[in-house]
Amino acid sequence: MRIVCLFNLKSGADTAAYEAWARGTDIPGVNALGSVRNFTVHRATGVFGSDAKPPYDYIEVIDIHGMEGFVADISTPEFQAVAAGFGEFTDNPCFILTEDL
């Protein structure tokens, strides 16, 4: 299963501080979870074929082994500290559950 998270930073959030936190805390922390195959964070840079601003600043892609294990992993007090940091930076993130066709 793959979870895709689309989000913008909160108004006034420092982009450099978020990206440093993502590289130093979020990415290694999520990738260390036993239920996660791979986790990446991507900065949106444009809309293909357009000069329009992308509707989201960032995209996360979380490949997991299964939902039950993932929910157990993210429910620990240690991971909740990571999640709290994510909440400090992000404005209404949208987590989309997917499956391969």
C-alpha atoms as a PDB file:
ATOM      1  CA  MET A   1       0.000   0.000   0.000  1.00  0.00           C
ATOM      2  CA  ARG A   2       1.102   3.539  -0.683  1.00  0.00           C
ATOM      3  CA  ILE A   3      -0.012   6.624   1.201  1.00  0.00           C
ATOM      4  CA  VAL A   4       0.372   9.979  -0.552  1.00  0.00           C
ATOM      5  CA  CYS A   5       0.253  13.112   1.579  1.00  0.00           C
ATOM      6  CA  LEU A   6      -0.312  16.514  -0.020  1.00  0.00           C
ATOM      7  CA  PHE A   7       0.253  19.632   2.050  1.00  0.00           C
ATOM      8  CA  ASN A   8       1.200  23.263   2.274  1.00  0.00           C
ATOM      9  CA  LEU A   9       3.142  24.875   5.063  1.00  0.00           C
ATOM     10  CA  LYS A  10       1.282  27.003   7.583  1.00  0.00           C
ATOM     11  CA  SER A  11       1.275  30.726   6.982  1.00  0.00           C
ATOM     12  CA  GLY A  12       4.452  32.102   8.520  1.00  0.00           C
ATOM     13  CA  ALA A  13       6.198  28.716   8.697  1.00  0.00           C
ATOM     14  CA  ASP A  14       9.863  28.940   7.758  1.00  0.00           C
ATOM     15  CA  THR A  15      10.562  26.822   4.649  1.00  0.00           C
ATOM     16  CA  ALA A  16      14.228  26.287   5.517  1.00  0.00           C
ATOM     17  CA  ALA A  17      13.346  25.214   9.061  1.00  0.00           C
ATOM     18  CA  TYR A  18      10.714  22.767   7.772  1.00  0.00           C
ATOM     19  CA  GLU A  19      13.081  21.262   5.205  1.00  0.00           C
ATOM     20  CA  ALA A  20      15.850  20.897   7.798  1.00  0.00           C
ATOM     21  CA  TRP A  21      13.391  19.203  10.169  1.00  0.00           C
ATOM     22  CA  ALA A  22      12.147  16.926   7.363  1.00  0.00           C
ATOM     23  CA  ARG A  23      15.696  15.873   6.414  1.00  0.00           C
ATOM     24  CA  GLY A  24      16.921  15.463   9.990  1.00  0.00           C
ATOM     25  CA  THR A  25      13.855  14.088  11.806  1.00  0.00           C
ATOM     26  CA  ASP A  26      10.885  13.180   9.638  1.00  0.00           C
ATOM     27  CA  ILE A  27      12.516  11.255   6.791  1.00  0.00           C
ATOM     28  CA  PRO A  28      14.856   9.154   8.947  1.00  0.00           C
ATOM     29  CA  GLY A  29      12.172   8.671  11.610  1.00  0.00           C
ATOM     30  CA  VAL A  30       9.500   7.381   9.225  1.00  0.00           C
ATOM     31  CA  ASN A  31      11.990   5.256   7.286  1.00  0.00           C
ATOM     32  CA  ALA A  32      13.045   3.611  10.576  1.00  0.00           C
ATOM     33  CA  LEU A  33       9.519   2.262  11.192  1.00  0.00           C
ATOM     34  CA  GLY A  34       9.293  -1.487  10.632  1.00  0.00           C
ATOM     35  CA  SER A  35       6.009  -1.097   8.752  1.00  0.00           C
ATOM     36  CA  VAL A  36       7.512   1.294   6.182  1.00  0.00           C
ATOM     37  CA  ARG A  37       9.225   0.096   3.002  1.00  0.00           C
ATOM     38  CA  ASN A  38      10.184   3.581   1.845  1.00  0.00           C
ATOM     39  CA  PHE A  39       9.345   7.199   2.635  1.00  0.00           C
ATOM     40  CA  THR A  40      10.217  10.244   0.550  1.00  0.00           C
ATOM     41  CA  VAL A  41       9.324  13.925   0.701  1.00  0.00           C
ATOM     42  CA  HIS A  42       9.164  16.026  -2.455  1.00  0.00           C
ATOM     43  CA  ARG A  43       9.014  19.797  -2.927  1.00  0.00           C
ATOM     44  CA  ALA A  44       6.596  20.789  -5.703  1.00  0.00           C
ATOM     45  CA  THR A  45       8.384  22.929  -8.276  1.00  0.00           C
ATOM     46  CA  GLY A  46       5.733  23.554 -10.912  1.00  0.00           C
ATOM     47  CA  VAL A  47       2.782  22.290 -12.895  1.00  0.00           C
ATOM     48  CA  PHE A  48       3.715  20.459 -16.081  1.00  0.00           C
ATOM     49  CA  GLY A  49       2.861  22.501 -19.180  1.00  0.00           C
ATOM     50  CA  SER A  50       1.850  25.556 -17.172  1.00  0.00           C
ATOM     51  CA  ASP A  51       3.213  28.556 -15.333  1.00  0.00           C
ATOM     52  CA  ALA A  52       0.624  28.018 -12.581  1.00  0.00           C
ATOM     53  CA  LYS A  53       1.704  27.562  -8.987  1.00  0.00           C
ATOM     54  CA  PRO A  54       1.201  23.964  -7.802  1.00  0.00           C
ATOM     55  CA  PRO A  55      -1.786  23.580  -5.460  1.00  0.00           C
ATOM     56  CA  TYR A  56       0.472  21.950  -2.853  1.00  0.00           C
ATOM     57  CA  ASP A  57       3.976  22.841  -1.686  1.00  0.00           C
ATOM     58  CA  TYR A  58       5.023  19.305  -0.712  1.00  0.00           C
ATOM     59  CA  ILE A  59       4.177  15.682  -1.430  1.00  0.00           C
ATOM     60  CA  GLU A  60       5.066  12.753   0.807  1.00  0.00           C
ATOM     61  CA  VAL A  61       5.042   9.180  -0.468  1.00  0.00           C
ATOM     62  CA  ILE A  62       4.896   6.446   2.171  1.00  0.00           C
ATOM     63  CA  ASP A  63       5.139   2.829   0.992  1.00  0.00           C
ATOM     64  CA  ILE A  64       3.980   0.541   3.788  1.00  0.00           C
ATOM     65  CA  HIS A  65       3.851  -3.215   4.304  1.00  0.00           C
ATOM     66  CA  GLY A  66       0.327  -3.036   5.774  1.00  0.00           C
ATOM     67  CA  MET A  67      -2.049  -0.639   7.479  1.00  0.00           C
ATOM     68  CA  GLU A  68      -2.284  -2.510  10.794  1.00  0.00           C
ATOM     69  CA  GLY A  69       1.472  -2.423  11.402  1.00  0.00           C
ATOM     70  CA  PHE A  70       1.735   1.174  10.237  1.00  0.00           C
ATOM     71  CA  VAL A  71      -1.016   2.331  12.607  1.00  0.00           C
ATOM     72  CA  ALA A  72       0.725   0.496  15.472  1.00  0.00           C
ATOM     73  CA  ASP A  73       4.077   2.113  14.594  1.00  0.00           C
ATOM     74  CA  ILE A  74       2.733   5.663  14.389  1.00  0.00           C
ATOM     75  CA  SER A  75       0.758   5.263  17.625  1.00  0.00           C
ATOM     76  CA  THR A  76       3.838   5.025  19.860  1.00  0.00           C
ATOM     77  CA  PRO A  77       4.716   7.977  22.096  1.00  0.00           C
ATOM     78  CA  GLU A  78       8.087   8.268  20.321  1.00  0.00           C
ATOM     79  CA  PHE A  79       6.503   8.626  16.908  1.00  0.00           C
ATOM     80  CA  GLN A  80       3.805  10.942  18.201  1.00  0.00           C
ATOM     81  CA  ALA A  81       6.623  13.397  18.997  1.00  0.00           C
ATOM     82  CA  VAL A  82       7.612  13.274  15.309  1.00  0.00           C
ATOM     83  CA  ALA A  83       3.971  13.724  14.286  1.00  0.00           C
ATOM     84  CA  ALA A  84       3.690  16.766  16.559  1.00  0.00           C
ATOM     85  CA  GLY A  85       6.632  18.351  14.745  1.00  0.00           C
ATOM     86  CA  PHE A  86       4.914  17.692  11.410  1.00  0.00           C
ATOM     87  CA  GLY A  87       1.784  19.404  12.756  1.00  0.00           C
ATOM     88  CA  GLU A  88       3.785  22.468  13.751  1.00  0.00           C
ATOM     89  CA  PHE A  89       4.728  23.095  10.121  1.00  0.00           C
ATOM     90  CA  THR A  90       1.815  21.825   8.027  1.00  0.00           C
ATOM     91  CA  ASP A  91      -1.582  23.261   7.192  1.00  0.00           C
ATOM     92  CA  ASN A  92      -4.321  20.619   6.898  1.00  0.00           C
ATOM     93  CA  PRO A  93      -2.337  17.773   5.279  1.00  0.00           C
ATOM     94  CA  CYS A  94      -4.344  15.351   3.144  1.00  0.00           C
ATOM     95  CA  PHE A  95      -3.343  11.669   3.464  1.00  0.00           C
ATOM     96  CA  ILE A  96      -4.605   9.664   0.479  1.00  0.00           C
ATOM     97  CA  LEU A  97      -4.650   5.863   0.693  1.00  0.00           C
ATOM     98  CA  THR A  98      -3.882   4.105  -2.592  1.00  0.00           C
ATOM     99  CA  GLU A  99      -3.539   0.651  -4.073  1.00  0.00           C
ATOM    100  CA  ASP A 100      -1.884  -0.503  -7.281  1.00  0.00           C
ATOM    101  CA  LEU A 101      -4.090  -1.387 -10.239  1.00  0.00           C
END
